[in-house]
Amino acid sequence: MPIPNIPEVWPIADISMRPSVTLSDWQAFEVQMRGAASRTRHFVGYCLEDRAGQVSSAVQEFDARTMRGIANSGRVYVLRGKAGRNADAESAWRHWVRLNGATDLEDISQYLKRMLKP
């Protein structure tokens, strides 16, 4: 069921039902959240399990060797393949930014890509 007043945005499954997700065509962003003292980092990508764009809560840990990150929610995000773009993911990101009042957006995907090189 979509979020009221935003028909194109759907809530993701509860973490107890889906503790991890796999993102393809992923990007990573650092943003300033309204009222937050420090910047946060978020994964954006195409969720293979839900076949939809998805944005993570703030990423707390990232292991470049396994390409896994743990978000504030406790959910594990597995980045599959190379960084890239996906129309569904970009739409989810635009809505997320607006809903959460994020500003000063910085694409840090290139930084993560450098970490992933052997």
Protein backbone atom coordinates (compact mmCIF):
# COMPACT_ATOMS: atom_id res chain seq x y z
CA MET A 1 0.00 0.00 0.00
CA PRO A 2 1.47 3.40 -0.96
CA ILE A 3 2.27 6.12 1.53
CA PRO A 4 -0.71 8.52 1.82
CA ASN A 5 -0.47 11.59 -0.44
CA ILE A 6 2.53 10.10 -2.25
CA PRO A 7 1.11 7.29 -4.39
CA GLU A 8 4.41 6.41 -6.07
CA VAL A 9 6.25 5.75 -2.76
CA TRP A 10 5.76 2.44 -0.96
CA PRO A 11 7.09 1.53 2.49
CA ILE A 12 9.65 -1.28 2.54
CA ALA A 13 9.12 -4.54 4.39
CA ASP A 14 9.76 -4.58 8.13
CA ILE A 15 13.33 -5.52 8.99
CA SER A 16 12.12 -8.65 10.78
CA MET A 17 10.68 -9.86 7.47
CA ARG A 18 13.56 -8.68 5.29
CA PRO A 19 16.80 -8.17 7.25
CA SER A 20 18.86 -7.69 4.10
CA VAL A 21 18.34 -6.43 0.56
CA THR A 22 20.42 -6.48 -2.59
CA LEU A 23 20.86 -3.28 -4.59
CA SER A 24 21.99 -3.22 -8.21
CA ASP A 25 22.67 -0.06 -10.21
CA TRP A 26 23.55 1.50 -6.90
CA GLN A 27 24.79 4.92 -5.86
CA ALA A 28 25.90 6.34 -2.53
CA PHE A 29 25.15 9.86 -1.31
CA GLU A 30 26.20 11.98 1.63
CA VAL A 31 23.59 14.51 2.74
CA GLN A 32 22.79 17.01 5.43
CA MET A 33 19.55 16.14 7.18
CA ARG A 34 17.34 18.87 8.57
CA GLY A 35 18.24 19.44 12.22
CA ALA A 36 21.14 16.95 12.25
CA ALA A 37 24.54 17.95 13.56
CA SER A 38 26.47 15.77 11.12
CA ARG A 39 26.09 14.50 7.58
CA THR A 40 24.77 11.01 6.80
CA ARG A 41 25.46 8.52 4.00
CA HIS A 42 22.80 6.55 2.15
CA PHE A 43 22.65 3.83 -0.48
CA VAL A 44 20.27 4.23 -3.40
CA GLY A 45 19.61 1.50 -5.92
CA TYR A 46 17.32 -0.99 -7.55
CA CYS A 47 16.21 -3.54 -4.95
CA LEU A 48 16.33 -6.96 -6.60
CA GLU A 49 13.98 -8.52 -4.04
CA ASP A 50 11.20 -5.92 -4.43
CA ARG A 51 11.94 -4.93 -8.03
CA ALA A 52 11.77 -1.27 -7.07
CA GLY A 53 13.97 1.69 -6.24
CA GLN A 54 15.08 1.88 -2.62
CA VAL A 55 16.94 4.28 -0.32
CA SER A 56 18.67 3.14 2.87
CA SER A 57 18.52 4.82 6.23
CA ALA A 58 21.90 6.26 7.29
CA VAL A 59 24.73 3.78 6.65
CA GLN A 60 26.73 3.10 9.81
CA GLU A 61 29.23 0.51 8.53
CA PHE A 62 30.53 -0.53 5.12
CA ASP A 63 32.79 -3.47 4.24
CA ALA A 64 34.31 -2.89 0.80
CA ARG A 65 35.53 -6.50 0.62
CA THR A 66 32.02 -7.99 0.91
CA MET A 67 30.20 -4.93 -0.50
CA ARG A 68 27.86 -4.96 2.49
CA GLY A 69 26.70 -2.02 4.53
CA ILE A 70 24.66 -1.86 7.71
CA ALA A 71 22.15 0.97 8.00
CA ASN A 72 20.74 2.68 11.10
CA SER A 73 17.70 0.44 10.81
CA GLY A 74 19.93 -2.63 11.22
CA ARG A 75 19.16 -3.75 7.68
CA VAL A 76 22.09 -5.09 5.66
CA TYR A 77 22.47 -3.66 2.17
CA VAL A 78 24.39 -5.79 -0.32
CA LEU A 79 25.71 -3.83 -3.30
CA ARG A 80 25.70 -6.02 -6.41
CA GLY A 81 27.80 -5.22 -9.44
CA LYS A 82 29.02 -1.82 -10.40
CA ALA A 83 27.67 1.55 -9.37
CA GLY A 84 25.15 2.86 -11.84
CA ARG A 85 21.78 4.49 -12.32
CA ASN A 86 18.25 3.19 -12.47
CA ALA A 87 15.10 5.21 -13.17
CA ASP A 88 13.13 3.59 -10.31
CA ALA A 89 15.99 4.22 -7.88
CA GLU A 90 16.36 7.84 -9.01
CA SER A 91 12.63 8.40 -8.52
CA ALA A 92 12.77 6.89 -5.02
CA TRP A 93 15.79 9.10 -4.22
CA ARG A 94 14.06 12.30 -5.35
CA HIS A 95 11.02 11.51 -3.21
CA TRP A 96 13.19 10.50 -0.23
CA VAL A 97 15.16 13.76 -0.41
CA ARG A 98 11.97 15.81 -0.49
CA LEU A 99 10.22 13.86 2.28
CA ASN A 100 13.25 13.96 4.58
CA GLY A 101 14.36 17.52 3.90
CA ALA A 102 17.85 16.45 2.87
CA THR A 103 20.12 19.17 1.50
CA ASP A 104 23.70 19.58 0.29
CA LEU A 105 23.61 16.28 -1.63
CA GLU A 106 26.98 14.82 -2.60
CA ASP A 107 27.32 11.72 -4.78
CA ILE A 108 30.08 9.65 -3.13
CA SER A 109 29.72 6.64 -5.44
CA GLN A 110 33.14 7.29 -7.00
CA TYR A 111 34.71 7.18 -3.52
CA LEU A 112 33.16 3.74 -2.88
CA LYS A 113 34.19 2.52 -6.33
CA ARG A 114 37.81 3.39 -5.52
CA MET A 115 37.50 1.40 -2.27
CA LEU A 116 36.27 -1.63 -4.25
CA LYS A 117 39.24 -1.83 -6.60
CA PRO A 118 41.53 -4.84 -5.90
